[in-house]
Amino acid sequence: MIRFVLYLLGGLALGGIIHVVTVLGVPHFAERDAWARVAAFGPDGRFNAIPRVAPGVKPLPGIDPAMAHAVCRFSLAKAPVRIKAELPDNYWSIALYDRAGLVVYSLNDRAAEQKPIDVLIATAEQIAQLRENPPEDFENIVIVDWPDRDGFAMLKAFVPTPSLRPEIEAALGTASCQAAPIAP
């Protein structure tokens, strides 16, 4: 009887370990992760419009149909990335996600002290280099210390009425997400 109980406990422990390892490993092996899904909207290094939510069609999970969305994938391998956008006075937000799709930083119209949006995403090493030879407008830039090499930014703007959607989508279309080389 004792042997049976020991085998049963060992089997349950082994099953629990396998279950935990499998659940934690799924994001690493998934082909349709956030990084891959965002790539479908357009090239890296620029904001790409996310199609509107329609009945039965949702381009990404959690997309709000009352908002207009644009997304930009970026890499800090060669240089920091600077995001600039001039958005209407309606509610807007920008969220910066790591490659796994987790929010690392976010900012909205109520928290921002300035307009237009001006965000610089850089690694700690790149920020140190920038402090040695800062650009002229360094004090007016929101600087985000990025923990990894890759990520993506999502701009969202509230569309209060359907008649304003073209104007808001045009504003999202003018947003920039470009490499910002560090001056020597």
N, C-alpha and C. Protein backbone atom coordinates (compact mmCIF):
# COMPACT_ATOMS: atom_id res chain seq x y z
N MET A 1 0.81 -1.20 0.00
CA MET A 1 0.00 0.00 0.00
C MET A 1 0.86 1.27 0.00
N ILE A 2 1.95 1.25 0.80
CA ILE A 2 2.83 2.42 0.86
C ILE A 2 3.48 2.65 -0.50
N ARG A 3 3.86 1.56 -1.15
CA ARG A 3 4.48 1.68 -2.46
C ARG A 3 3.50 2.33 -3.46
N PHE A 4 2.24 1.93 -3.42
CA PHE A 4 1.22 2.50 -4.29
C PHE A 4 1.07 4.01 -4.05
N VAL A 5 1.03 4.43 -2.80
CA VAL A 5 0.89 5.85 -2.45
C VAL A 5 2.11 6.63 -2.94
N LEU A 6 3.31 6.07 -2.78
CA LEU A 6 4.52 6.74 -3.26
C LEU A 6 4.51 6.90 -4.78
N TYR A 7 4.11 5.84 -5.50
CA TYR A 7 4.01 5.93 -6.95
C TYR A 7 2.96 6.97 -7.36
N LEU A 8 1.84 6.99 -6.65
CA LEU A 8 0.79 7.95 -6.94
C LEU A 8 1.28 9.38 -6.72
N LEU A 9 1.94 9.64 -5.60
CA LEU A 9 2.48 10.98 -5.33
C LEU A 9 3.56 11.36 -6.34
N GLY A 10 4.41 10.42 -6.69
CA GLY A 10 5.44 10.69 -7.70
C GLY A 10 4.82 11.01 -9.05
N GLY A 11 3.79 10.26 -9.44
CA GLY A 11 3.10 10.51 -10.70
C GLY A 11 2.42 11.87 -10.71
N LEU A 12 1.78 12.23 -9.60
CA LEU A 12 1.14 13.55 -9.51
C LEU A 12 2.17 14.67 -9.57
N ALA A 13 3.29 14.51 -8.87
CA ALA A 13 4.34 15.54 -8.89
C ALA A 13 4.91 15.68 -10.30
N LEU A 14 5.19 14.56 -10.95
CA LEU A 14 5.72 14.60 -12.32
C LEU A 14 4.71 15.25 -13.27
N GLY A 15 3.44 14.89 -13.15
CA GLY A 15 2.40 15.49 -13.98
C GLY A 15 2.30 16.99 -13.75
N GLY A 16 2.41 17.43 -12.49
CA GLY A 16 2.36 18.86 -12.17
C GLY A 16 3.54 19.60 -12.77
N ILE A 17 4.72 19.01 -12.69
CA ILE A 17 5.92 19.65 -13.25
C ILE A 17 5.79 19.78 -14.77
N ILE A 18 5.35 18.71 -15.42
CA ILE A 18 5.18 18.74 -16.87
C ILE A 18 4.14 19.80 -17.26
N HIS A 19 3.06 19.87 -16.51
CA HIS A 19 2.02 20.86 -16.80
C HIS A 19 2.56 22.29 -16.68
N VAL A 20 3.26 22.60 -15.62
CA VAL A 20 3.79 23.95 -15.41
C VAL A 20 4.80 24.30 -16.51
N VAL A 21 5.71 23.39 -16.84
CA VAL A 21 6.71 23.65 -17.88
C VAL A 21 6.02 23.88 -19.23
N THR A 22 5.01 23.11 -19.53
CA THR A 22 4.29 23.27 -20.79
C THR A 22 3.58 24.62 -20.87
N VAL A 23 2.88 24.98 -19.81
CA VAL A 23 2.14 26.25 -19.80
C VAL A 23 3.11 27.43 -19.91
N LEU A 24 4.21 27.39 -19.19
CA LEU A 24 5.17 28.49 -19.23
C LEU A 24 5.95 28.52 -20.56
N GLY A 25 6.05 27.40 -21.24
CA GLY A 25 6.80 27.35 -22.49
C GLY A 25 5.99 27.73 -23.72
N VAL A 26 4.67 27.76 -23.62
CA VAL A 26 3.83 28.06 -24.78
C VAL A 26 4.18 29.39 -25.43
N PRO A 27 4.35 30.50 -24.69
CA PRO A 27 4.68 31.77 -25.37
C PRO A 27 5.98 31.72 -26.18
N HIS A 28 6.93 30.90 -25.75
CA HIS A 28 8.21 30.83 -26.46
C HIS A 28 8.11 30.03 -27.76
N PHE A 29 7.13 29.16 -27.84
CA PHE A 29 7.01 28.31 -29.02
C PHE A 29 5.83 28.68 -29.91
N ALA A 30 5.03 29.62 -29.50
CA ALA A 30 3.86 30.01 -30.29
C ALA A 30 4.29 30.77 -31.53
N GLU A 31 3.66 30.46 -32.65
CA GLU A 31 3.97 31.14 -33.91
C GLU A 31 3.14 32.41 -34.07
N ARG A 32 2.03 32.51 -33.40
CA ARG A 32 1.14 33.66 -33.54
C ARG A 32 1.23 34.53 -32.28
N ASP A 33 2.43 34.83 -31.85
CA ASP A 33 2.61 35.70 -30.70
C ASP A 33 2.38 37.15 -31.11
N ALA A 34 2.44 38.05 -30.14
CA ALA A 34 2.17 39.47 -30.42
C ALA A 34 3.12 40.02 -31.47
N TRP A 35 4.39 39.69 -31.38
CA TRP A 35 5.40 40.20 -32.32
C TRP A 35 5.05 39.80 -33.75
N ALA A 36 4.68 38.55 -33.96
CA ALA A 36 4.35 38.06 -35.30
C ALA A 36 3.03 38.65 -35.80
N ARG A 37 2.06 38.79 -34.93
CA ARG A 37 0.76 39.33 -35.35
C ARG A 37 0.88 40.79 -35.78
N VAL A 38 1.68 41.56 -35.07
CA VAL A 38 1.86 42.98 -35.39
C VAL A 38 2.60 43.14 -36.71
N ALA A 39 3.48 42.20 -37.04
CA ALA A 39 4.25 42.28 -38.30
C ALA A 39 3.33 42.22 -39.52
N ALA A 40 2.16 41.64 -39.37
CA ALA A 40 1.25 41.50 -40.50
C ALA A 40 0.66 42.83 -40.98
N PHE A 41 0.77 43.89 -40.18
CA PHE A 41 0.14 45.17 -40.54
C PHE A 41 1.01 46.05 -41.43
N GLY A 42 2.29 45.73 -41.58
CA GLY A 42 3.14 46.53 -42.46
C GLY A 42 4.59 46.46 -42.04
N PRO A 43 5.44 47.22 -42.73
CA PRO A 43 6.89 47.15 -42.48
C PRO A 43 7.28 47.74 -41.11
N ASP A 44 8.43 47.31 -40.64
CA ASP A 44 8.98 47.83 -39.38
C ASP A 44 9.47 49.26 -39.58
N GLY A 45 9.60 49.99 -38.48
CA GLY A 45 10.17 51.33 -38.54
C GLY A 45 9.22 52.42 -38.98
N ARG A 46 7.92 52.13 -39.00
CA ARG A 46 6.92 53.16 -39.33
C ARG A 46 5.59 52.72 -38.74
N PHE A 47 4.71 53.70 -38.51
CA PHE A 47 3.39 53.37 -37.99
C PHE A 47 2.51 52.85 -39.12
N ASN A 48 1.86 51.73 -38.85
CA ASN A 48 0.96 51.10 -39.80
C ASN A 48 -0.43 51.06 -39.17
N ALA A 49 -1.44 51.45 -39.93
CA ALA A 49 -2.81 51.45 -39.42
C ALA A 49 -3.27 50.02 -39.16
N ILE A 50 -3.99 49.86 -38.06
CA ILE A 50 -4.62 48.58 -37.77
C ILE A 50 -6.06 48.69 -38.27
N PRO A 51 -6.51 47.73 -39.06
CA PRO A 51 -7.87 47.81 -39.60
C PRO A 51 -8.93 47.94 -38.50
N ARG A 52 -10.03 48.57 -38.85
CA ARG A 52 -11.13 48.74 -37.89
C ARG A 52 -11.71 47.40 -37.49
N VAL A 53 -12.22 47.38 -36.27
CA VAL A 53 -12.92 46.20 -35.79
C VAL A 53 -14.28 46.16 -36.48
N ALA A 54 -14.62 45.00 -37.02
CA ALA A 54 -15.91 44.81 -37.68
C ALA A 54 -16.57 43.58 -37.06
N PRO A 55 -17.86 43.43 -37.23
CA PRO A 55 -18.51 42.24 -36.67
C PRO A 55 -17.84 40.96 -37.16
N GLY A 56 -17.39 40.15 -36.25
CA GLY A 56 -16.74 38.90 -36.58
C GLY A 56 -15.27 39.03 -36.96
N VAL A 57 -14.75 40.25 -37.05
CA VAL A 57 -13.35 40.46 -37.42
C VAL A 57 -12.68 41.33 -36.35
N LYS A 58 -11.66 40.77 -35.72
CA LYS A 58 -10.91 41.51 -34.71
C LYS A 58 -9.44 41.34 -35.04
N PRO A 59 -8.77 42.39 -35.56
CA PRO A 59 -7.39 42.24 -36.00
C PRO A 59 -6.42 41.84 -34.90
N LEU A 60 -6.65 42.32 -33.68
CA LEU A 60 -5.84 41.96 -32.51
C LEU A 60 -6.76 41.81 -31.31
N PRO A 61 -6.39 40.98 -30.35
CA PRO A 61 -7.21 40.88 -29.14
C PRO A 61 -7.21 42.20 -28.37
N GLY A 62 -8.34 42.55 -27.79
CA GLY A 62 -8.43 43.73 -26.95
C GLY A 62 -8.53 45.04 -27.70
N ILE A 63 -8.75 45.01 -29.00
CA ILE A 63 -8.87 46.25 -29.78
C ILE A 63 -10.25 46.87 -29.52
N ASP A 64 -10.25 48.14 -29.19
CA ASP A 64 -11.48 48.87 -28.89
C ASP A 64 -12.05 49.46 -30.18
N PRO A 65 -13.29 49.16 -30.54
CA PRO A 65 -13.85 49.70 -31.77
C PRO A 65 -14.06 51.22 -31.75
N ALA A 66 -14.05 51.83 -30.57
CA ALA A 66 -14.23 53.29 -30.47
C ALA A 66 -12.91 54.04 -30.64
N MET A 67 -11.84 53.33 -30.92
CA MET A 67 -10.52 53.95 -31.07
C MET A 67 -9.98 53.67 -32.47
N ALA A 68 -9.10 54.56 -32.92
CA ALA A 68 -8.31 54.32 -34.13
C ALA A 68 -6.93 53.89 -33.65
N HIS A 69 -6.32 52.93 -34.31
CA HIS A 69 -5.06 52.34 -33.85
C HIS A 69 -4.01 52.35 -34.95
N ALA A 70 -2.75 52.50 -34.54
CA ALA A 70 -1.61 52.34 -35.44
C ALA A 70 -0.50 51.69 -34.64
N VAL A 71 0.31 50.87 -35.30
CA VAL A 71 1.36 50.14 -34.61
C VAL A 71 2.67 50.23 -35.38
N CYS A 72 3.78 50.24 -34.64
CA CYS A 72 5.12 50.32 -35.23
C CYS A 72 6.04 49.34 -34.51
N ARG A 73 6.60 48.40 -35.27
CA ARG A 73 7.63 47.51 -34.70
C ARG A 73 8.98 48.21 -34.84
N PHE A 74 9.84 48.06 -33.82
CA PHE A 74 11.14 48.73 -33.86
C PHE A 74 12.23 47.83 -33.30
N SER A 75 13.46 48.19 -33.64
CA SER A 75 14.65 47.52 -33.12
C SER A 75 15.64 48.59 -32.70
N LEU A 76 16.26 48.38 -31.55
CA LEU A 76 17.26 49.31 -31.04
C LEU A 76 18.67 48.79 -31.30
N ALA A 77 18.81 47.81 -32.19
CA ALA A 77 20.12 47.20 -32.45
C ALA A 77 21.14 48.21 -32.96
N LYS A 78 20.71 49.15 -33.80
CA LYS A 78 21.66 50.10 -34.39
C LYS A 78 21.56 51.50 -33.79
N ALA A 79 20.37 51.89 -33.36
CA ALA A 79 20.17 53.26 -32.85
C ALA A 79 18.88 53.31 -32.04
N PRO A 80 18.75 54.34 -31.19
CA PRO A 80 17.47 54.55 -30.49
C PRO A 80 16.36 54.83 -31.51
N VAL A 81 15.13 54.77 -31.06
CA VAL A 81 13.98 55.05 -31.91
C VAL A 81 13.24 56.25 -31.33
N ARG A 82 12.87 57.17 -32.21
CA ARG A 82 12.14 58.36 -31.78
C ARG A 82 10.75 58.34 -32.39
N ILE A 83 9.76 58.54 -31.53
CA ILE A 83 8.36 58.56 -31.95
C ILE A 83 7.84 59.98 -31.79
N LYS A 84 7.27 60.50 -32.88
CA LYS A 84 6.66 61.83 -32.86
C LYS A 84 5.26 61.72 -33.44
N ALA A 85 4.32 62.40 -32.80
CA ALA A 85 2.95 62.40 -33.30
C ALA A 85 2.22 63.65 -32.84
N GLU A 86 1.41 64.18 -33.71
CA GLU A 86 0.55 65.33 -33.40
C GLU A 86 -0.88 64.81 -33.50
N LEU A 87 -1.49 64.58 -32.34
CA LEU A 87 -2.83 64.00 -32.32
C LEU A 87 -3.86 65.03 -31.89
N PRO A 88 -5.13 64.81 -32.27
CA PRO A 88 -6.20 65.74 -31.87
C PRO A 88 -6.34 65.79 -30.34
N ASP A 89 -7.16 66.73 -29.87
CA ASP A 89 -7.33 66.92 -28.43
C ASP A 89 -8.19 65.85 -27.77
N ASN A 90 -8.72 64.93 -28.52
CA ASN A 90 -9.46 63.82 -27.92
C ASN A 90 -8.49 62.94 -27.15
N TYR A 91 -9.03 61.98 -26.42
CA TYR A 91 -8.18 61.06 -25.67
C TYR A 91 -7.27 60.30 -26.63
N TRP A 92 -6.00 60.17 -26.27
CA TRP A 92 -5.06 59.35 -27.01
C TRP A 92 -4.12 58.67 -26.01
N SER A 93 -3.49 57.61 -26.45
CA SER A 93 -2.48 56.96 -25.62
C SER A 93 -1.45 56.30 -26.53
N ILE A 94 -0.27 56.13 -25.96
CA ILE A 94 0.78 55.37 -26.63
C ILE A 94 1.25 54.33 -25.63
N ALA A 95 1.35 53.10 -26.07
CA ALA A 95 1.84 52.02 -25.23
C ALA A 95 3.02 51.37 -25.94
N LEU A 96 4.07 51.10 -25.18
CA LEU A 96 5.26 50.44 -25.71
C LEU A 96 5.30 49.02 -25.16
N TYR A 97 5.38 48.06 -26.05
CA TYR A 97 5.33 46.64 -25.70
C TYR A 97 6.67 45.98 -26.00
N ASP A 98 7.03 45.00 -25.17
CA ASP A 98 8.22 44.21 -25.49
C ASP A 98 7.83 43.15 -26.52
N ARG A 99 8.78 42.36 -26.91
CA ARG A 99 8.56 41.37 -27.97
C ARG A 99 7.49 40.34 -27.59
N ALA A 100 7.33 40.10 -26.29
CA ALA A 100 6.34 39.13 -25.82
C ALA A 100 4.94 39.72 -25.75
N GLY A 101 4.80 41.03 -25.98
CA GLY A 101 3.49 41.65 -25.94
C GLY A 101 3.12 42.22 -24.58
N LEU A 102 4.09 42.37 -23.69
CA LEU A 102 3.84 42.95 -22.37
C LEU A 102 4.12 44.44 -22.40
N VAL A 103 3.24 45.22 -21.78
CA VAL A 103 3.42 46.67 -21.76
C VAL A 103 4.60 47.03 -20.85
N VAL A 104 5.55 47.77 -21.40
CA VAL A 104 6.72 48.23 -20.65
C VAL A 104 6.53 49.68 -20.22
N TYR A 105 5.86 50.47 -21.07
CA TYR A 105 5.67 51.89 -20.79
C TYR A 105 4.41 52.36 -21.50
N SER A 106 3.68 53.27 -20.86
CA SER A 106 2.53 53.87 -21.53
C SER A 106 2.37 55.32 -21.10
N LEU A 107 1.74 56.08 -21.96
CA LEU A 107 1.55 57.51 -21.74
C LEU A 107 0.24 57.89 -22.43
N ASN A 108 -0.52 58.81 -21.80
CA ASN A 108 -1.74 59.28 -22.46
C ASN A 108 -1.81 60.79 -22.44
N ASP A 109 -2.86 61.33 -23.03
CA ASP A 109 -2.97 62.78 -23.16
C ASP A 109 -3.06 63.49 -21.81
N ARG A 110 -3.57 62.82 -20.80
CA ARG A 110 -3.70 63.45 -19.49
C ARG A 110 -2.37 63.47 -18.73
N ALA A 111 -1.54 62.48 -18.97
CA ALA A 111 -0.25 62.41 -18.27
C ALA A 111 0.85 63.19 -18.99
N ALA A 112 0.69 63.38 -20.28
CA ALA A 112 1.72 64.08 -21.06
C ALA A 112 1.67 65.57 -20.73
N GLU A 113 2.83 66.14 -20.57
CA GLU A 113 2.91 67.57 -20.25
C GLU A 113 3.13 68.41 -21.50
N GLN A 114 3.22 67.77 -22.62
CA GLN A 114 3.54 68.51 -23.84
C GLN A 114 2.76 67.96 -25.02
N LYS A 115 2.73 68.75 -26.03
CA LYS A 115 2.15 68.34 -27.29
C LYS A 115 3.04 68.92 -28.36
N PRO A 116 3.42 68.28 -29.36
CA PRO A 116 3.10 66.93 -29.78
C PRO A 116 3.84 65.87 -28.94
N ILE A 117 3.46 64.61 -29.20
CA ILE A 117 4.13 63.49 -28.54
C ILE A 117 5.56 63.42 -29.07
N ASP A 118 6.52 63.28 -28.17
CA ASP A 118 7.92 63.13 -28.57
C ASP A 118 8.58 62.17 -27.58
N VAL A 119 8.75 60.93 -28.01
CA VAL A 119 9.27 59.87 -27.15
C VAL A 119 10.51 59.28 -27.79
N LEU A 120 11.54 59.08 -26.98
CA LEU A 120 12.77 58.43 -27.44
C LEU A 120 12.92 57.13 -26.67
N ILE A 121 13.04 56.03 -27.40
CA ILE A 121 13.20 54.71 -26.81
C ILE A 121 14.65 54.31 -27.02
N ALA A 122 15.34 53.98 -25.92
CA ALA A 122 16.77 53.67 -26.02
C ALA A 122 17.17 52.70 -24.92
N THR A 123 18.25 51.98 -25.16
CA THR A 123 18.81 51.12 -24.12
C THR A 123 19.57 52.00 -23.13
N ALA A 124 19.95 51.44 -22.00
CA ALA A 124 20.69 52.20 -20.98
C ALA A 124 22.01 52.72 -21.55
N GLU A 125 22.67 51.91 -22.35
CA GLU A 125 23.93 52.33 -22.97
C GLU A 125 23.72 53.50 -23.94
N GLN A 126 22.66 53.43 -24.73
CA GLN A 126 22.37 54.50 -25.68
C GLN A 126 22.00 55.80 -24.95
N ILE A 127 21.29 55.68 -23.84
CA ILE A 127 20.93 56.87 -23.05
C ILE A 127 22.19 57.52 -22.48
N ALA A 128 23.13 56.71 -22.01
CA ALA A 128 24.39 57.25 -21.50
C ALA A 128 25.13 58.01 -22.59
N GLN A 129 25.15 57.47 -23.81
CA GLN A 129 25.79 58.16 -24.93
C GLN A 129 25.07 59.47 -25.26
N LEU A 130 23.76 59.46 -25.18
CA LEU A 130 22.98 60.68 -25.46
C LEU A 130 23.26 61.77 -24.43
N ARG A 131 23.46 61.39 -23.19
CA ARG A 131 23.73 62.39 -22.14
C ARG A 131 25.08 63.06 -22.35
N GLU A 132 26.01 62.37 -22.98
CA GLU A 132 27.33 62.96 -23.25
C GLU A 132 27.23 64.05 -24.32
N ASN A 133 26.39 63.83 -25.32
CA ASN A 133 26.23 64.80 -26.41
C ASN A 133 24.73 64.90 -26.74
N PRO A 134 23.96 65.58 -25.87
CA PRO A 134 22.50 65.60 -26.05
C PRO A 134 22.06 66.46 -27.23
N PRO A 135 20.94 66.07 -27.86
CA PRO A 135 20.38 66.91 -28.91
C PRO A 135 19.81 68.20 -28.29
N GLU A 136 19.55 69.19 -29.12
CA GLU A 136 19.08 70.50 -28.63
C GLU A 136 17.78 70.40 -27.84
N ASP A 137 16.87 69.55 -28.27
CA ASP A 137 15.56 69.45 -27.62
C ASP A 137 15.49 68.30 -26.60
N PHE A 138 16.62 67.91 -26.05
CA PHE A 138 16.72 66.77 -25.13
C PHE A 138 15.79 66.91 -23.93
N GLU A 139 15.63 68.13 -23.41
CA GLU A 139 14.81 68.35 -22.21
C GLU A 139 13.32 68.18 -22.49
N ASN A 140 12.90 68.25 -23.74
CA ASN A 140 11.49 68.15 -24.08
C ASN A 140 11.07 66.76 -24.54
N ILE A 141 12.00 65.82 -24.51
CA ILE A 141 11.72 64.47 -24.99
C ILE A 141 11.43 63.55 -23.80
N VAL A 142 10.42 62.71 -23.94
CA VAL A 142 10.17 61.66 -22.95
C VAL A 142 11.11 60.52 -23.30
N ILE A 143 12.02 60.18 -22.39
CA ILE A 143 13.01 59.14 -22.66
C ILE A 143 12.60 57.86 -21.93
N VAL A 144 12.54 56.77 -22.68
CA VAL A 144 12.16 55.47 -22.13
C VAL A 144 13.37 54.56 -22.17
N ASP A 145 13.78 54.08 -21.01
CA ASP A 145 14.89 53.13 -20.89
C ASP A 145 14.34 51.74 -21.23
N TRP A 146 14.74 51.24 -22.40
CA TRP A 146 14.18 49.99 -22.91
C TRP A 146 15.02 48.80 -22.47
N PRO A 147 14.40 47.77 -21.91
CA PRO A 147 15.15 46.63 -21.37
C PRO A 147 15.65 45.62 -22.40
N ASP A 148 15.15 45.69 -23.62
CA ASP A 148 15.46 44.68 -24.62
C ASP A 148 15.87 45.37 -25.92
N ARG A 149 16.05 44.60 -26.98
CA ARG A 149 16.44 45.18 -28.26
C ARG A 149 15.24 45.50 -29.14
N ASP A 150 14.20 44.67 -29.08
CA ASP A 150 13.04 44.82 -29.96
C ASP A 150 11.79 45.18 -29.17
N GLY A 151 10.81 45.72 -29.89
CA GLY A 151 9.53 46.02 -29.28
C GLY A 151 8.59 46.62 -30.31
N PHE A 152 7.43 47.02 -29.85
CA PHE A 152 6.51 47.73 -30.75
C PHE A 152 5.71 48.75 -29.96
N ALA A 153 5.33 49.81 -30.68
CA ALA A 153 4.56 50.90 -30.09
C ALA A 153 3.17 50.89 -30.71
N MET A 154 2.17 51.13 -29.87
CA MET A 154 0.81 51.22 -30.38
C MET A 154 0.22 52.58 -29.98
N LEU A 155 -0.18 53.34 -30.98
CA LEU A 155 -0.88 54.61 -30.77
C LEU A 155 -2.37 54.35 -30.87
N LYS A 156 -3.12 54.92 -29.92
CA LYS A 156 -4.58 54.80 -29.94
C LYS A 156 -5.16 56.19 -29.78
N ALA A 157 -6.18 56.49 -30.52
CA ALA A 157 -6.87 57.77 -30.40
C ALA A 157 -8.38 57.53 -30.41
N PHE A 158 -9.05 58.17 -29.47
CA PHE A 158 -10.50 58.02 -29.36
C PHE A 158 -11.20 58.71 -30.52
N VAL A 159 -12.20 58.03 -31.07
CA VAL A 159 -13.00 58.58 -32.17
C VAL A 159 -14.40 58.84 -31.61
N PRO A 160 -14.70 60.10 -31.21
CA PRO A 160 -15.99 60.37 -30.57
C PRO A 160 -17.19 60.24 -31.51
N THR A 161 -16.99 60.55 -32.79
CA THR A 161 -18.08 60.41 -33.76
C THR A 161 -17.51 59.84 -35.06
N PRO A 162 -18.31 59.10 -35.80
CA PRO A 162 -17.80 58.54 -37.06
C PRO A 162 -17.30 59.60 -38.04
N SER A 163 -17.85 60.81 -37.97
CA SER A 163 -17.42 61.85 -38.91
C SER A 163 -15.98 62.31 -38.63
N LEU A 164 -15.49 62.09 -37.42
CA LEU A 164 -14.11 62.49 -37.08
C LEU A 164 -13.08 61.40 -37.37
N ARG A 165 -13.54 60.20 -37.70
CA ARG A 165 -12.61 59.09 -37.92
C ARG A 165 -11.57 59.40 -39.00
N PRO A 166 -11.93 59.94 -40.17
CA PRO A 166 -10.90 60.22 -41.19
C PRO A 166 -9.82 61.19 -40.68
N GLU A 167 -10.22 62.22 -39.94
CA GLU A 167 -9.26 63.19 -39.41
C GLU A 167 -8.31 62.53 -38.41
N ILE A 168 -8.86 61.70 -37.54
CA ILE A 168 -8.03 61.05 -36.51
C ILE A 168 -7.12 60.01 -37.15
N GLU A 169 -7.64 59.24 -38.10
CA GLU A 169 -6.80 58.26 -38.79
C GLU A 169 -5.70 58.95 -39.59
N ALA A 170 -5.99 60.11 -40.15
CA ALA A 170 -4.95 60.87 -40.88
C ALA A 170 -3.86 61.34 -39.91
N ALA A 171 -4.26 61.76 -38.72
CA ALA A 171 -3.27 62.18 -37.71
C ALA A 171 -2.39 61.01 -37.30
N LEU A 172 -2.99 59.83 -37.12
CA LEU A 172 -2.19 58.65 -36.81
C LEU A 172 -1.25 58.31 -37.96
N GLY A 173 -1.71 58.54 -39.18
CA GLY A 173 -0.90 58.26 -40.36
C GLY A 173 0.33 59.16 -40.49
N THR A 174 0.30 60.33 -39.86
CA THR A 174 1.46 61.23 -39.93
C THR A 174 2.45 60.98 -38.80
N ALA A 175 2.10 60.12 -37.86
CA ALA A 175 3.03 59.81 -36.75
C ALA A 175 4.28 59.15 -37.30
N SER A 176 5.43 59.44 -36.69
CA SER A 176 6.68 58.84 -37.15
C SER A 176 7.29 57.97 -36.06
N CYS A 177 7.99 56.96 -36.51
CA CYS A 177 8.63 55.98 -35.63
C CYS A 177 9.93 55.60 -36.34
N GLN A 178 10.99 56.39 -36.09
CA GLN A 178 12.21 56.22 -36.88
C GLN A 178 13.44 56.11 -35.99
N ALA A 179 14.46 55.50 -36.56
CA ALA A 179 15.74 55.43 -35.87
C ALA A 179 16.27 56.85 -35.68
N ALA A 180 16.88 57.08 -34.52
CA ALA A 180 17.45 58.40 -34.20
C ALA A 180 18.92 58.20 -33.86
N PRO A 181 19.78 58.18 -34.87
CA PRO A 181 21.20 57.93 -34.62
C PRO A 181 21.78 58.92 -33.62
N ILE A 182 22.71 58.44 -32.82
CA ILE A 182 23.37 59.26 -31.81
C ILE A 182 24.53 59.99 -32.45
N ALA A 183 24.57 61.30 -32.25
CA ALA A 183 25.67 62.11 -32.80
C ALA A 183 26.97 61.77 -32.07
N PRO A 184 28.09 61.70 -32.81
CA PRO A 184 29.37 61.34 -32.17
C PRO A 184 29.89 62.46 -31.29
